[in-house]
Amino acid sequence: MTEDSNKHDQHAKFLAYLIDRTGSSDLRFASPPKQLHGGFETLSYQFQLVGASGDLAGPQVLRLYPAFYGAGNAEWASTVQNALADIGYPAARARLLCTDLSVLGGAFFVMDYIPGRPLAMAPPELIPELLGTTHAELHEIDPAPLIATLDRLGVDRRAYGPASRYAWLSAKGEAHPWVGPAVDWLLEHRPSDPERLSVCHGDFHPFNVQYADGRVTGVLDWPGLTIGDPAFDVGNTMVLIMIAAGHLFGAEAGLGSIDWELMVRRYLQAYRSCRDLDGANLDFFRVRRCVAALVQGAEGQRAWQQPLVVRDLLEAIRDVTGVQLDVPAQGPG
């Protein structure tokens, strides 16, 4: 079966699902769903239905997860996005959720379309300024209303609290002994949580921020939501830009000439122009993200299996901790 016929088959299955869920046999696509840029692992398609009403009447996006994620990520991300939309944050509201992996080969949900393009497609001189200020604005949000909304939805606070991230690391250190020395370093050097916690995205980078007409129109992809230290979130972003973005998206997106280290410096400057940031723990949180990325690669996430990405993750860990990890042959890369 050719790639085009595969896509046509997927689109037909998706339309059949929508007809079944809505009970409207007259539904059809105004045009074939269009794949959107961005996302290391998930696939996103913009579409609009003819014959739809209510929540599905306008432009929508299908977000499809790989089968190895199971149903959990789609359930969690759609819940978080709706909780954020409830408090007025520009996150896309989820309208339908499907946890039956047999329908499209993975769990998925349908959400409102946020207009614009990924911020990564903006003029390079604008990217760090908009990324830094938007990130700082997120961290200035009072987390209490979001926590209250998640409580109302029955979400256990441990699912997004800082302690869950360290419990995850500890479990992964046992499951993957080769990463154990770095996990031990992290658990030994874990900083205290700040007095004021922030709403943290967990995966904040230029491909998850939508941009149009010189402004940010929305923020996508929320499975990593954490109420925690804002330095946790900023450290994640530094790794995602300096290690992942250049290797994975640079040439493909026409961004091969960007100086990613300079991008990070300007991003930090823009962030600090809006709010204070204690930089004492940034190296710690950068290492945490690198270790998590190696584990995710070992467990199947292709983005973290690329040889150059693995090399840079290992170097970043070694430079801060002095720990040299030996990645097994069956591990990432």
Protein backbone atom coordinates (compact mmCIF):
# COMPACT_ATOMS: atom_id res chain seq x y z
CA MET A 1 0.00 0.00 0.00
CA THR A 2 1.41 3.42 -0.98
CA GLU A 3 1.80 6.33 1.43
CA ASP A 4 -1.09 8.18 -0.26
CA SER A 5 -3.39 5.18 0.01
CA ASN A 6 -2.41 4.75 3.65
CA LYS A 7 -3.37 8.34 4.34
CA HIS A 8 -6.65 7.94 2.47
CA ASP A 9 -7.43 4.83 4.50
CA GLN A 10 -6.65 6.63 7.78
CA HIS A 11 -8.82 9.59 6.79
CA ALA A 12 -11.70 7.26 5.91
CA LYS A 13 -11.42 5.50 9.28
CA PHE A 14 -11.32 8.84 11.08
CA LEU A 15 -14.41 10.11 9.24
CA ALA A 16 -16.24 6.88 10.04
CA TYR A 17 -15.38 7.39 13.72
CA LEU A 18 -16.68 10.97 13.64
CA ILE A 19 -19.92 9.88 11.98
CA ASP A 20 -20.38 7.17 14.60
CA ARG A 21 -19.66 9.54 17.51
CA THR A 22 -21.90 12.35 16.28
CA GLY A 23 -24.65 10.21 14.75
CA SER A 24 -24.55 12.43 11.66
CA SER A 25 -24.25 10.39 8.47
CA ASP A 26 -23.93 13.55 6.36
CA LEU A 27 -20.47 14.49 7.66
CA ARG A 28 -17.60 14.85 5.21
CA PHE A 29 -14.28 16.63 5.11
CA ALA A 30 -14.24 20.04 3.43
CA SER A 31 -10.80 18.97 2.15
CA PRO A 32 -8.43 16.13 3.09
CA PRO A 33 -6.94 16.57 6.59
CA LYS A 34 -3.63 18.44 6.39
CA GLN A 35 -0.66 17.33 8.48
CA LEU A 36 0.77 20.09 10.68
CA HIS A 37 4.43 20.69 11.47
CA GLY A 38 5.89 20.10 14.92
CA GLY A 39 5.84 17.42 17.56
CA PHE A 40 8.62 14.90 18.16
CA GLU A 41 6.38 11.84 18.29
CA THR A 42 2.70 12.71 17.80
CA LEU A 43 0.98 13.45 14.51
CA SER A 44 -1.41 16.39 14.12
CA TYR A 45 -3.83 17.07 11.27
CA GLN A 46 -5.98 20.13 10.64
CA PHE A 47 -9.43 19.51 9.22
CA GLN A 48 -12.90 21.00 8.90
CA LEU A 49 -16.16 19.13 8.55
CA VAL A 50 -19.05 19.87 6.27
CA GLY A 51 -22.36 19.10 7.95
CA ALA A 52 -21.05 19.46 11.52
CA SER A 53 -22.68 21.56 14.22
CA GLY A 54 -21.91 22.62 17.76
CA ASP A 55 -18.39 21.98 19.04
CA LEU A 56 -17.19 20.47 15.76
CA ALA A 57 -18.50 23.20 13.46
CA GLY A 58 -15.23 25.14 13.14
CA PRO A 59 -11.66 24.22 12.21
CA GLN A 60 -10.37 21.29 14.28
CA VAL A 61 -7.15 19.37 14.85
CA LEU A 62 -6.68 15.62 15.23
CA ARG A 63 -3.81 14.77 17.59
CA LEU A 64 -2.74 11.12 17.20
CA TYR A 65 -0.35 9.36 19.59
CA PRO A 66 1.90 6.41 18.76
CA ALA A 67 0.61 3.06 19.94
CA PHE A 68 3.43 2.62 22.48
CA TYR A 69 2.04 5.52 24.52
CA GLY A 70 -1.16 3.58 25.18
CA ALA A 71 -4.17 5.70 26.10
CA GLY A 72 -2.73 7.57 29.07
CA ASN A 73 -1.06 10.49 27.31
CA ALA A 74 -4.10 11.36 25.21
CA GLU A 75 -6.38 11.17 28.25
CA TRP A 76 -4.06 13.32 30.35
CA ALA A 77 -3.26 15.93 27.68
CA SER A 78 -6.91 16.45 26.75
CA THR A 79 -7.84 16.83 30.43
CA VAL A 80 -5.07 19.35 31.05
CA GLN A 81 -5.90 21.39 27.96
CA ASN A 82 -9.54 21.67 28.98
CA ALA A 83 -8.55 22.68 32.52
CA LEU A 84 -6.29 25.42 31.11
CA ALA A 85 -8.99 26.60 28.71
CA ASP A 86 -11.37 26.79 31.66
CA ILE A 87 -9.13 29.36 33.36
CA GLY A 88 -8.71 31.39 30.17
CA TYR A 89 -5.25 30.25 29.06
CA PRO A 90 -4.82 29.91 25.24
CA ALA A 91 -4.77 26.12 25.15
CA ALA A 92 -6.89 24.26 22.59
CA ARG A 93 -10.04 22.80 24.09
CA ALA A 94 -10.44 19.05 23.45
CA ARG A 95 -13.83 18.05 22.01
CA LEU A 96 -13.56 14.28 21.50
CA LEU A 97 -11.27 11.64 23.00
CA CYS A 98 -10.73 8.11 21.66
CA THR A 99 -8.74 5.61 23.72
CA ASP A 100 -9.43 2.66 21.41
CA LEU A 101 -6.05 2.14 19.75
CA SER A 102 -7.57 0.00 17.00
CA VAL A 103 -9.40 2.93 15.37
CA LEU A 104 -6.33 4.79 14.05
CA GLY A 105 -3.45 2.78 15.49
CA GLY A 106 -3.12 4.92 18.62
CA ALA A 107 -5.15 6.98 21.05
CA PHE A 108 -6.20 10.42 19.83
CA PHE A 109 -8.31 13.43 20.55
CA VAL A 110 -9.95 16.18 18.53
CA MET A 111 -9.31 19.75 19.66
CA ASP A 112 -10.05 23.27 18.51
CA TYR A 113 -7.66 24.71 15.94
CA ILE A 114 -5.42 27.53 17.15
CA PRO A 115 -4.65 29.83 14.20
CA GLY A 116 -1.11 30.55 13.14
CA ARG A 117 2.08 28.63 12.53
CA PRO A 118 4.69 27.21 14.89
CA LEU A 119 6.80 29.97 16.40
CA ALA A 120 9.82 28.19 14.93
CA MET A 121 8.63 29.48 11.52
CA ALA A 122 8.72 33.13 12.63
CA PRO A 123 11.68 35.35 11.70
CA PRO A 124 14.60 33.98 13.77
CA GLU A 125 15.15 37.28 15.55
CA LEU A 126 11.61 37.13 16.97
CA ILE A 127 11.68 33.55 18.23
CA PRO A 128 13.65 33.96 21.49
CA GLU A 129 11.84 37.17 22.45
CA LEU A 130 8.35 35.71 22.04
CA LEU A 131 9.33 32.35 23.50
CA GLY A 132 10.91 33.91 26.60
CA THR A 133 8.14 36.41 27.33
CA THR A 134 5.38 33.84 26.75
CA HIS A 135 7.11 31.35 29.03
CA ALA A 136 7.51 33.97 31.75
CA GLU A 137 3.84 34.90 31.45
CA LEU A 138 2.90 31.24 31.96
CA HIS A 139 5.00 31.06 35.12
CA GLU A 140 3.33 34.20 36.48
CA ILE A 141 -0.10 32.54 36.45
CA ASP A 142 -1.48 31.75 39.88
CA PRO A 143 -1.68 27.92 39.86
CA ALA A 144 -4.52 27.80 42.40
CA PRO A 145 -7.42 28.08 39.88
CA LEU A 146 -5.87 25.40 37.67
CA ILE A 147 -5.39 23.09 40.66
CA ALA A 148 -9.01 23.69 41.66
CA THR A 149 -10.18 22.79 38.15
CA LEU A 150 -8.08 19.61 38.11
CA ASP A 151 -9.46 18.74 41.56
CA ARG A 152 -12.98 19.15 40.20
CA LEU A 153 -12.09 16.81 37.32
CA GLY A 154 -10.90 14.21 39.79
CA VAL A 155 -7.19 14.43 38.90
CA ASP A 156 -4.87 13.22 41.66
CA ARG A 157 -2.47 16.05 42.61
CA ARG A 158 0.40 13.57 42.62
CA ALA A 159 0.01 13.30 38.83
CA TYR A 160 1.45 16.76 38.29
CA GLY A 161 3.40 17.45 41.49
CA PRO A 162 7.22 17.66 41.61
CA ALA A 163 7.50 14.49 43.70
CA SER A 164 6.05 12.41 40.86
CA ARG A 165 8.93 13.41 38.58
CA TYR A 166 11.51 12.08 41.06
CA ALA A 167 9.52 8.92 41.72
CA TRP A 168 9.53 8.36 37.95
CA LEU A 169 13.30 8.86 37.81
CA SER A 170 13.89 6.46 40.68
CA ALA A 171 11.77 3.78 39.02
CA LYS A 172 13.54 4.26 35.69
CA GLY A 173 16.95 4.03 37.36
CA GLU A 174 15.97 0.58 38.60
CA ALA A 175 14.48 -0.46 35.25
CA HIS A 176 17.53 0.78 33.30
CA PRO A 177 20.59 0.22 35.52
CA TRP A 178 22.95 1.83 32.99
CA VAL A 179 21.35 5.23 33.72
CA GLY A 180 21.43 4.59 37.48
CA PRO A 181 24.58 6.67 38.28
CA ALA A 182 23.01 9.79 36.77
CA VAL A 183 19.70 9.14 38.54
CA ASP A 184 21.59 8.72 41.83
CA TRP A 185 23.30 12.07 41.25
CA LEU A 186 19.96 13.75 40.63
CA LEU A 187 18.31 12.28 43.69
CA GLU A 188 21.30 13.27 45.84
CA HIS A 189 21.43 16.84 44.52
CA ARG A 190 17.69 17.52 44.27
CA PRO A 191 17.07 21.18 45.18
CA SER A 192 14.33 22.29 47.54
CA ASP A 193 11.11 23.43 45.93
CA PRO A 194 10.67 27.21 45.86
CA GLU A 195 8.09 28.82 48.11
CA ARG A 196 6.00 29.82 45.09
CA LEU A 197 5.36 27.08 42.55
CA SER A 198 4.43 27.80 38.94
CA VAL A 199 2.39 26.26 36.16
CA CYS A 200 5.06 24.49 34.08
CA HIS A 201 4.47 23.21 30.56
CA GLY A 202 7.21 20.58 30.57
CA ASP A 203 7.85 20.69 26.80
CA PHE A 204 7.97 24.40 26.00
CA HIS A 205 9.77 25.01 22.70
CA PRO A 206 9.18 26.95 19.45
CA PHE A 207 7.25 24.11 17.78
CA ASN A 208 4.69 23.99 20.60
CA VAL A 209 3.90 27.71 20.49
CA GLN A 210 1.58 29.07 17.78
CA TYR A 211 2.33 32.46 16.24
CA ALA A 212 0.49 34.84 13.89
CA ASP A 213 0.75 38.54 13.05
CA GLY A 214 3.64 39.14 15.44
CA ARG A 215 1.98 37.61 18.49
CA VAL A 216 1.53 34.24 20.19
CA THR A 217 -1.91 32.76 19.58
CA GLY A 218 -1.69 29.64 21.74
CA VAL A 219 0.42 26.94 23.36
CA LEU A 220 0.13 23.28 22.39
CA ASP A 221 1.09 19.84 23.73
CA TRP A 222 0.55 19.67 27.51
CA PRO A 223 1.20 16.08 28.70
CA GLY A 224 4.20 17.25 30.73
CA LEU A 225 2.22 19.71 32.86
CA THR A 226 3.80 20.15 36.30
CA ILE A 227 3.08 22.51 39.16
CA GLY A 228 6.65 23.09 40.27
CA ASP A 229 9.85 25.10 40.12
CA PRO A 230 9.88 27.36 37.05
CA ALA A 231 13.59 26.51 36.68
CA PHE A 232 12.45 22.93 35.95
CA ASP A 233 10.53 24.22 32.94
CA VAL A 234 13.27 26.57 31.74
CA GLY A 235 15.90 23.83 32.05
CA ASN A 236 13.70 21.57 29.91
CA THR A 237 13.41 24.28 27.26
CA MET A 238 17.17 24.80 27.17
CA VAL A 239 17.72 21.10 26.42
CA LEU A 240 14.93 20.98 23.85
CA ILE A 241 16.36 23.97 21.97
CA MET A 242 20.09 23.31 22.23
CA ILE A 243 20.05 19.54 21.72
CA ALA A 244 16.79 18.45 20.14
CA ALA A 245 15.75 21.34 17.89
CA GLY A 246 18.95 21.74 15.89
CA HIS A 247 19.48 18.04 15.23
CA LEU A 248 15.86 17.08 14.65
CA PHE A 249 14.30 20.10 12.99
CA GLY A 250 17.04 22.48 11.90
CA ALA A 251 17.60 21.50 8.29
CA GLU A 252 14.10 20.07 7.78
CA ALA A 253 12.42 23.33 8.80
CA GLY A 254 14.92 25.57 7.03
CA LEU A 255 16.52 26.50 10.36
CA GLY A 256 19.93 24.95 9.77
CA SER A 257 21.76 28.29 10.00
CA ILE A 258 20.44 29.21 13.45
CA ASP A 259 22.92 29.52 16.32
CA TRP A 260 20.96 27.54 18.92
CA GLU A 261 23.22 28.52 21.83
CA LEU A 262 22.64 32.19 21.00
CA MET A 263 18.93 31.42 20.74
CA VAL A 264 18.95 30.07 24.29
CA ARG A 265 20.85 33.09 25.65
CA ARG A 266 18.36 35.49 24.08
CA TYR A 267 15.44 33.38 25.27
CA LEU A 268 16.77 33.62 28.85
CA GLN A 269 17.26 37.37 28.50
CA ALA A 270 13.67 37.80 27.30
CA TYR A 271 12.37 35.63 30.13
CA ARG A 272 14.31 37.58 32.76
CA SER A 273 13.07 40.86 31.35
CA CYS A 274 9.59 39.78 32.52
CA ARG A 275 10.25 37.94 35.77
CA ASP A 276 13.12 36.90 38.03
CA LEU A 277 14.64 33.47 37.58
CA ASP A 278 16.97 31.84 40.05
CA GLY A 279 19.58 30.30 37.77
CA ALA A 280 21.30 28.31 40.51
CA ASN A 281 19.36 25.15 39.68
CA LEU A 282 19.25 25.38 35.89
CA ASP A 283 22.14 22.96 35.40
CA PHE A 284 20.42 20.44 37.67
CA PHE A 285 17.18 20.61 35.71
CA ARG A 286 19.03 20.43 32.40
CA VAL A 287 20.63 17.18 33.56
CA ARG A 288 17.23 15.89 34.72
CA ARG A 289 15.80 16.48 31.25
CA CYS A 290 18.78 14.84 29.56
CA VAL A 291 18.46 11.73 31.73
CA ALA A 292 14.71 11.59 31.09
CA ALA A 293 15.37 11.88 27.35
CA LEU A 294 17.81 8.95 27.38
CA VAL A 295 15.25 6.83 29.21
CA GLN A 296 12.51 7.84 26.79
CA GLY A 297 14.75 6.91 23.89
CA ALA A 298 15.46 3.52 25.45
CA GLU A 299 11.72 2.98 25.76
CA GLY A 300 10.92 3.74 22.14
CA GLN A 301 10.73 7.49 21.51
CA ARG A 302 12.56 7.89 18.21
CA ALA A 303 13.41 11.56 18.70
CA TRP A 304 15.72 10.65 21.58
CA GLN A 305 17.35 7.74 19.73
CA GLN A 306 19.17 9.80 17.10
CA PRO A 307 22.96 9.28 17.46
CA LEU A 308 23.87 12.99 17.52
CA VAL A 309 21.13 13.70 20.05
CA VAL A 310 22.28 10.84 22.29
CA ARG A 311 25.88 12.07 22.04
CA ASP A 312 24.93 15.57 23.14
CA LEU A 313 22.72 14.31 25.98
CA LEU A 314 25.59 12.22 27.34
CA GLU A 315 28.04 15.13 27.05
CA ALA A 316 25.68 17.51 28.85
CA ILE A 317 25.24 15.04 31.71
CA ARG A 318 28.99 14.44 31.99
CA ASP A 319 29.89 18.14 31.87
CA VAL A 320 27.68 18.97 34.87
CA THR A 321 27.91 15.81 36.97
CA GLY A 322 31.16 14.12 35.96
CA VAL A 323 29.13 10.95 35.37
CA GLN A 324 29.93 9.05 32.18
CA LEU A 325 27.07 6.79 31.17
CA ASP A 326 27.62 3.70 29.04
CA VAL A 327 24.59 3.32 26.84
CA PRO A 328 23.93 -0.34 26.00
CA ALA A 329 23.75 -1.38 22.38
CA GLN A 330 20.03 -2.02 22.62
CA GLY A 331 19.49 1.41 24.20
CA PRO A 332 18.92 4.74 22.43
CA GLY A 333 20.95 5.46 19.36
